């Protein structure tokens, strides 16, 4: 049976670069958080990178630029190729409610190369969280230069909290994403090869 391309090279490349960059961002960010905790807990040392505050900040900024460039490439590709229009839109509330009910009963169908309503909302949501975490991150990084942005967040301290909770939302997305891969393991290999059996591919 013929195998069909369901993940173009640009999608696969940006996906795996994003995995690496986001892992570095999260682990270095947790180390930075540990230096001045917002809440009554700290992240374990094994979940952080950098070794010390200066090293963690260096990791964070290096990963930030990689993530930013990779994100711009993905957005440009998504808009130019129609990837966003085909796979993430439209999103209808009725369809989301229907698929959430199926997901709650563990009966949500998955077709290779096609996103259901829950996945569409999740991907759009994590893109929005990405914008929020960048904006709040800029406010924390350069509070004087971006004082207008800091004011939008209600001050430096509140911007830190927004940054933390936006990060927590992204982590929640990643956890759900990994659980879905575990539940439907056949979705993993095509993210390396780009191909799946035609019978597993969604109807156009």
C-alpha atoms as a PDB file:
ATOM      1  CA  UNK A   1       0.000   0.000   0.000  1.00  0.00           C
ATOM      2  CA  UNK A   2       1.399   3.417  -0.981  1.00  0.00           C
ATOM      3  CA  UNK A   3       2.679   5.754   1.727  1.00  0.00           C
ATOM      4  CA  UNK A   4       1.643   9.408   1.518  1.00  0.00           C
ATOM      5  CA  UNK A   5       3.371  12.550   2.800  1.00  0.00           C
ATOM      6  CA  UNK A   6       1.423  13.970   5.746  1.00  0.00           C
ATOM      7  CA  UNK A   7       4.125  16.127   7.396  1.00  0.00           C
ATOM      8  CA  UNK A   8       6.186  18.262   4.970  1.00  0.00           C
ATOM      9  CA  UNK A   9       9.933  18.737   5.691  1.00  0.00           C
ATOM     10  CA  UNK A  10       9.408  22.308   6.964  1.00  0.00           C
ATOM     11  CA  UNK A  11       6.870  21.140   9.550  1.00  0.00           C
ATOM     12  CA  UNK A  12       9.094  18.286  10.749  1.00  0.00           C
ATOM     13  CA  UNK A  13      12.230  20.439  10.950  1.00  0.00           C
ATOM     14  CA  UNK A  14      10.590  23.277  12.865  1.00  0.00           C
ATOM     15  CA  UNK A  15       8.857  20.775  15.153  1.00  0.00           C
ATOM     16  CA  UNK A  16      12.076  19.100  16.294  1.00  0.00           C
ATOM     17  CA  UNK A  17      14.013  22.363  16.562  1.00  0.00           C
ATOM     18  CA  UNK A  18      11.137  23.633  18.671  1.00  0.00           C
ATOM     19  CA  UNK A  19      11.341  20.546  20.918  1.00  0.00           C
ATOM     20  CA  UNK A  20      15.039  21.220  21.607  1.00  0.00           C
ATOM     21  CA  UNK A  21      14.694  24.992  22.031  1.00  0.00           C
ATOM     22  CA  UNK A  22      11.601  24.747  24.235  1.00  0.00           C
ATOM     23  CA  UNK A  23      13.260  22.140  26.459  1.00  0.00           C
ATOM     24  CA  UNK A  24      16.231  24.492  26.954  1.00  0.00           C
ATOM     25  CA  UNK A  25      13.918  27.451  27.585  1.00  0.00           C
ATOM     26  CA  UNK A  26      11.873  25.611  30.203  1.00  0.00           C
ATOM     27  CA  UNK A  27      14.787  24.069  32.077  1.00  0.00           C
ATOM     28  CA  UNK A  28      16.821  27.283  32.119  1.00  0.00           C
ATOM     29  CA  UNK A  29      13.698  29.267  33.027  1.00  0.00           C
ATOM     30  CA  UNK A  30      13.076  26.979  36.003  1.00  0.00           C
ATOM     31  CA  UNK A  31      16.649  27.602  37.169  1.00  0.00           C
ATOM     32  CA  UNK A  32      16.105  31.373  36.882  1.00  0.00           C
ATOM     33  CA  UNK A  33      12.852  31.019  38.796  1.00  0.00           C
ATOM     34  CA  UNK A  34      14.677  29.119  41.569  1.00  0.00           C
ATOM     35  CA  UNK A  35      16.963  32.136  42.111  1.00  0.00           C
ATOM     36  CA  UNK A  36      13.922  34.250  43.051  1.00  0.00           C
ATOM     37  CA  UNK A  37      10.823  32.075  43.535  1.00  0.00           C
ATOM     38  CA  UNK A  38       7.383  33.583  43.083  1.00  0.00           C
ATOM     39  CA  UNK A  39       5.696  30.864  45.091  1.00  0.00           C
ATOM     40  CA  UNK A  40       6.565  28.510  47.923  1.00  0.00           C
ATOM     41  CA  UNK A  41       8.376  25.886  45.885  1.00  0.00           C
ATOM     42  CA  UNK A  42      11.451  25.392  43.736  1.00  0.00           C
ATOM     43  CA  UNK A  43      12.083  23.142  40.768  1.00  0.00           C
ATOM     44  CA  UNK A  44      14.474  20.210  41.380  1.00  0.00           C
ATOM     45  CA  UNK A  45      18.062  20.753  40.238  1.00  0.00           C
ATOM     46  CA  UNK A  46      17.896  17.801  37.819  1.00  0.00           C
ATOM     47  CA  UNK A  47      15.131  19.608  35.891  1.00  0.00           C
ATOM     48  CA  UNK A  48      17.263  22.709  35.301  1.00  0.00           C
ATOM     49  CA  UNK A  49      20.233  23.656  33.127  1.00  0.00           C
ATOM     50  CA  UNK A  50      22.947  26.258  33.520  1.00  0.00           C
ATOM     51  CA  UNK A  51      24.400  25.305  36.885  1.00  0.00           C
ATOM     52  CA  UNK A  52      24.150  28.844  38.267  1.00  0.00           C
ATOM     53  CA  UNK A  53      22.058  31.973  37.608  1.00  0.00           C
ATOM     54  CA  UNK A  54      24.398  33.508  35.020  1.00  0.00           C
ATOM     55  CA  UNK A  55      24.750  30.210  33.171  1.00  0.00           C
ATOM     56  CA  UNK A  56      21.003  29.633  33.176  1.00  0.00           C
ATOM     57  CA  UNK A  57      20.355  33.135  31.821  1.00  0.00           C
ATOM     58  CA  UNK A  58      22.869  32.472  29.021  1.00  0.00           C
ATOM     59  CA  UNK A  59      21.064  29.229  28.148  1.00  0.00           C
ATOM     60  CA  UNK A  60      17.715  31.014  28.279  1.00  0.00           C
ATOM     61  CA  UNK A  61      18.734  33.790  25.896  1.00  0.00           C
ATOM     62  CA  UNK A  62      20.480  31.433  23.460  1.00  0.00           C
ATOM     63  CA  UNK A  63      17.408  29.187  23.309  1.00  0.00           C
ATOM     64  CA  UNK A  64      15.172  32.265  23.065  1.00  0.00           C
ATOM     65  CA  UNK A  65      16.784  33.395  19.805  1.00  0.00           C
ATOM     66  CA  UNK A  66      16.669  29.888  18.351  1.00  0.00           C
ATOM     67  CA  UNK A  67      13.003  29.570  19.319  1.00  0.00           C
ATOM     68  CA  UNK A  68      12.183  33.026  17.910  1.00  0.00           C
ATOM     69  CA  UNK A  69      13.822  32.381  14.530  1.00  0.00           C
ATOM     70  CA  UNK A  70      12.294  28.922  14.313  1.00  0.00           C
ATOM     71  CA  UNK A  71       8.878  30.318  15.216  1.00  0.00           C
ATOM     72  CA  UNK A  72       9.096  32.998  12.526  1.00  0.00           C
ATOM     73  CA  UNK A  73      10.061  30.366   9.943  1.00  0.00           C
ATOM     74  CA  UNK A  74       7.114  28.190  10.988  1.00  0.00           C
ATOM     75  CA  UNK A  75       4.656  31.097  10.889  1.00  0.00           C
ATOM     76  CA  UNK A  76       5.931  32.230   7.474  1.00  0.00           C
ATOM     77  CA  UNK A  77       5.622  28.696   6.124  1.00  0.00           C
ATOM     78  CA  UNK A  78       2.198  28.213   7.704  1.00  0.00           C
ATOM     79  CA  UNK A  79       0.839  31.378   6.113  1.00  0.00           C
ATOM     80  CA  UNK A  80       2.516  31.006   2.715  1.00  0.00           C
ATOM     81  CA  UNK A  81       1.684  27.308   2.251  1.00  0.00           C
ATOM     82  CA  UNK A  82      -1.846  27.456   3.633  1.00  0.00           C
ATOM     83  CA  UNK A  83      -0.875  25.023   6.401  1.00  0.00           C
ATOM     84  CA  UNK A  84      -2.692  27.076   9.068  1.00  0.00           C
ATOM     85  CA  UNK A  85      -5.778  27.530   6.923  1.00  0.00           C
ATOM     86  CA  UNK A  86      -6.025  23.817   6.062  1.00  0.00           C
ATOM     87  CA  UNK A  87      -5.188  22.308   9.452  1.00  0.00           C
ATOM     88  CA  UNK A  88      -6.084  24.839  12.163  1.00  0.00           C
ATOM     89  CA  UNK A  89      -9.136  26.565  10.707  1.00  0.00           C
ATOM     90  CA  UNK A  90     -12.054  26.807  10.999  1.00  0.00           C
ATOM     91  CA  UNK A  91     -12.817  26.189  14.667  1.00  0.00           C
ATOM     92  CA  UNK A  92     -16.508  25.869  15.501  1.00  0.00           C
ATOM     93  CA  UNK A  93     -17.636  25.849  19.173  1.00  0.00           C
ATOM     94  CA  UNK A  94     -20.126  23.050  18.471  1.00  0.00           C
ATOM     95  CA  UNK A  95     -17.375  20.878  16.967  1.00  0.00           C
ATOM     96  CA  UNK A  96     -15.093  21.584  19.935  1.00  0.00           C
ATOM     97  CA  UNK A  97     -17.841  20.641  22.418  1.00  0.00           C
ATOM     98  CA  UNK A  98     -18.588  17.455  20.466  1.00  0.00           C
ATOM     99  CA  UNK A  99     -14.951  16.376  20.326  1.00  0.00           C
ATOM    100  CA  UNK A 100     -14.400  17.220  24.003  1.00  0.00           C
ATOM    101  CA  UNK A 101     -17.219  14.846  24.912  1.00  0.00           C
ATOM    102  CA  UNK A 102     -15.618  12.110  22.807  1.00  0.00           C
ATOM    103  CA  UNK A 103     -12.217  12.831  24.377  1.00  0.00           C
ATOM    104  CA  UNK A 104     -13.703  12.569  27.882  1.00  0.00           C
ATOM    105  CA  UNK A 105     -14.941   9.070  26.973  1.00  0.00           C
ATOM    106  CA  UNK A 106     -11.592   8.217  25.318  1.00  0.00           C
ATOM    107  CA  UNK A 107     -13.380   7.764  22.003  1.00  0.00           C
ATOM    108  CA  UNK A 108     -11.928  10.728  20.106  1.00  0.00           C
ATOM    109  CA  UNK A 109     -10.923   9.480  16.629  1.00  0.00           C
ATOM    110  CA  UNK A 110      -7.531  10.432  15.202  1.00  0.00           C
ATOM    111  CA  UNK A 111      -6.780  10.513  11.497  1.00  0.00           C
ATOM    112  CA  UNK A 112      -3.198  10.880  10.362  1.00  0.00           C
ATOM    113  CA  UNK A 113      -2.561  14.293   8.814  1.00  0.00           C
ATOM    114  CA  UNK A 114      -5.828  15.809  10.049  1.00  0.00           C
ATOM    115  CA  UNK A 115      -6.533  17.740  13.258  1.00  0.00           C
ATOM    116  CA  UNK A 116      -9.786  17.324  15.141  1.00  0.00           C
ATOM    117  CA  UNK A 117     -11.483  20.319  16.800  1.00  0.00           C
ATOM    118  CA  UNK A 118      -9.785  19.727  20.159  1.00  0.00           C
ATOM    119  CA  UNK A 119      -6.363  19.633  18.533  1.00  0.00           C
ATOM    120  CA  UNK A 120      -7.099  22.804  16.560  1.00  0.00           C
ATOM    121  CA  UNK A 121      -8.099  24.695  19.701  1.00  0.00           C
ATOM    122  CA  UNK A 122      -5.047  23.337  21.534  1.00  0.00           C
ATOM    123  CA  UNK A 123      -2.614  24.425  18.813  1.00  0.00           C
ATOM    124  CA  UNK A 124      -4.202  27.860  18.469  1.00  0.00           C
ATOM    125  CA  UNK A 125      -4.170  28.190  22.255  1.00  0.00           C
ATOM    126  CA  UNK A 126      -0.480  27.330  22.577  1.00  0.00           C
ATOM    127  CA  UNK A 127       0.344  29.824  19.804  1.00  0.00           C
ATOM    128  CA  UNK A 128      -1.497  32.492  21.817  1.00  0.00           C
ATOM    129  CA  UNK A 129       0.401  31.442  24.950  1.00  0.00           C
ATOM    130  CA  UNK A 130       3.607  31.751  22.950  1.00  0.00           C
ATOM    131  CA  UNK A 131       2.796  35.385  22.125  1.00  0.00           C
ATOM    132  CA  UNK A 132       1.963  36.032  25.792  1.00  0.00           C
ATOM    133  CA  UNK A 133       5.147  34.434  27.091  1.00  0.00           C
ATOM    134  CA  UNK A 134       7.265  36.455  24.618  1.00  0.00           C
ATOM    135  CA  UNK A 135       5.560  39.745  25.516  1.00  0.00           C
ATOM    136  CA  UNK A 136       5.843  39.130  29.266  1.00  0.00           C
ATOM    137  CA  UNK A 137       9.419  37.890  28.810  1.00  0.00           C
ATOM    138  CA  UNK A 138      10.391  41.124  27.064  1.00  0.00           C
ATOM    139  CA  UNK A 139       8.841  43.048  29.948  1.00  0.00           C
ATOM    140  CA  UNK A 140      10.985  41.139  32.439  1.00  0.00           C
ATOM    141  CA  UNK A 141      14.145  41.269  30.328  1.00  0.00           C
ATOM    142  CA  UNK A 142      14.080  44.993  29.478  1.00  0.00           C
ATOM    143  CA  UNK A 143      11.623  46.680  31.856  1.00  0.00           C
ATOM    144  CA  UNK A 144      13.034  50.167  31.170  1.00  0.00           C
ATOM    145  CA  UNK A 145      13.162  49.875  27.374  1.00  0.00           C
ATOM    146  CA  UNK A 146       9.738  48.214  27.264  1.00  0.00           C
ATOM    147  CA  UNK A 147       8.147  50.246  30.047  1.00  0.00           C
ATOM    148  CA  UNK A 148       4.927  50.650  28.031  1.00  0.00           C
ATOM    149  CA  UNK A 149       4.641  46.878  27.739  1.00  0.00           C
ATOM    150  CA  UNK A 150       5.338  46.519  31.462  1.00  0.00           C
ATOM    151  CA  UNK A 151       2.463  48.916  32.128  1.00  0.00           C
ATOM    152  CA  UNK A 152       0.164  46.752  29.992  1.00  0.00           C
ATOM    153  CA  UNK A 153       0.912  43.836  32.324  1.00  0.00           C
ATOM    154  CA  UNK A 154       0.297  45.963  35.408  1.00  0.00           C
ATOM    155  CA  UNK A 155       3.932  46.196  36.505  1.00  0.00           C
ATOM    156  CA  UNK A 156       7.107  44.118  36.612  1.00  0.00           C
ATOM    157  CA  UNK A 157       5.972  41.736  39.361  1.00  0.00           C
ATOM    158  CA  UNK A 158       2.687  40.959  37.640  1.00  0.00           C
ATOM    159  CA  UNK A 159       4.537  40.453  34.324  1.00  0.00           C
ATOM    160  CA  UNK A 160       6.611  37.779  36.080  1.00  0.00           C
ATOM    161  CA  UNK A 161       3.432  36.025  37.146  1.00  0.00           C
ATOM    162  CA  UNK A 162       1.970  36.220  33.644  1.00  0.00           C
ATOM    163  CA  UNK A 163       5.232  34.778  32.307  1.00  0.00           C
ATOM    164  CA  UNK A 164       5.086  31.928  34.823  1.00  0.00           C
ATOM    165  CA  UNK A 165       1.457  30.987  34.149  1.00  0.00           C
ATOM    166  CA  UNK A 166       1.899  31.255  30.354  1.00  0.00           C
ATOM    167  CA  UNK A 167       4.844  28.881  30.725  1.00  0.00           C
ATOM    168  CA  UNK A 168       2.694  26.570  32.863  1.00  0.00           C
ATOM    169  CA  UNK A 169       0.059  26.554  30.118  1.00  0.00           C
ATOM    170  CA  UNK A 170       2.669  25.580  27.543  1.00  0.00           C
ATOM    171  CA  UNK A 171       3.912  22.790  29.812  1.00  0.00           C
ATOM    172  CA  UNK A 172       0.328  21.531  30.181  1.00  0.00           C
ATOM    173  CA  UNK A 173       0.025  21.467  26.385  1.00  0.00           C
ATOM    174  CA  UNK A 174       3.274  19.503  26.120  1.00  0.00           C
ATOM    175  CA  UNK A 175       2.109  16.970  28.719  1.00  0.00           C
ATOM    176  CA  UNK A 176      -1.190  16.414  26.899  1.00  0.00           C
ATOM    177  CA  UNK A 177       0.680  16.215  23.582  1.00  0.00           C
ATOM    178  CA  UNK A 178       2.995  13.505  24.948  1.00  0.00           C
ATOM    179  CA  UNK A 179       0.082  11.576  26.451  1.00  0.00           C
ATOM    180  CA  UNK A 180      -1.654  11.557  23.074  1.00  0.00           C
ATOM    181  CA  UNK A 181       1.520  10.224  21.454  1.00  0.00           C
ATOM    182  CA  UNK A 182       1.622   7.446  24.043  1.00  0.00           C
ATOM    183  CA  UNK A 183      -2.057   6.638  23.472  1.00  0.00           C
ATOM    184  CA  UNK A 184      -1.702   6.777  19.660  1.00  0.00           C
ATOM    185  CA  UNK A 185       1.970   5.802  19.073  1.00  0.00           C
ATOM    186  CA  UNK A 186       1.544   5.503  15.288  1.00  0.00           C
ATOM    187  CA  UNK A 187       1.621   9.326  15.147  1.00  0.00           C
ATOM    188  CA  UNK A 188       5.291   9.483  16.219  1.00  0.00           C
ATOM    189  CA  UNK A 189       7.119   7.816  13.302  1.00  0.00           C
ATOM    190  CA  UNK A 190       5.613  10.134  10.631  1.00  0.00           C
ATOM    191  CA  UNK A 191       7.125  13.099  12.510  1.00  0.00           C
ATOM    192  CA  UNK A 192      10.508  11.636  11.551  1.00  0.00           C
ATOM    193  CA  UNK A 193       9.730  10.208   8.110  1.00  0.00           C
ATOM    194  CA  UNK A 194       6.900  12.531   7.070  1.00  0.00           C
ATOM    195  CA  UNK A 195       4.969   9.593   5.616  1.00  0.00           C
ATOM    196  CA  UNK A 196       2.160   7.270   6.665  1.00  0.00           C
ATOM    197  CA  UNK A 197       0.094   4.594   4.976  1.00  0.00           C
ATOM    198  CA  UNK A 198      -2.533   6.111   2.705  1.00  0.00           C
ATOM    199  CA  UNK A 199      -5.269   4.238   4.593  1.00  0.00           C
ATOM    200  CA  UNK A 200      -4.232   6.142   7.758  1.00  0.00           C
ATOM    201  CA  UNK A 201      -4.357   9.492   6.063  1.00  0.00           C
ATOM    202  CA  UNK A 202      -7.306  11.810   6.551  1.00  0.00           C
ATOM    203  CA  UNK A 203      -9.623  12.412   3.635  1.00  0.00           C
ATOM    204  CA  UNK A 204      -8.887  15.726   1.873  1.00  0.00           C
END
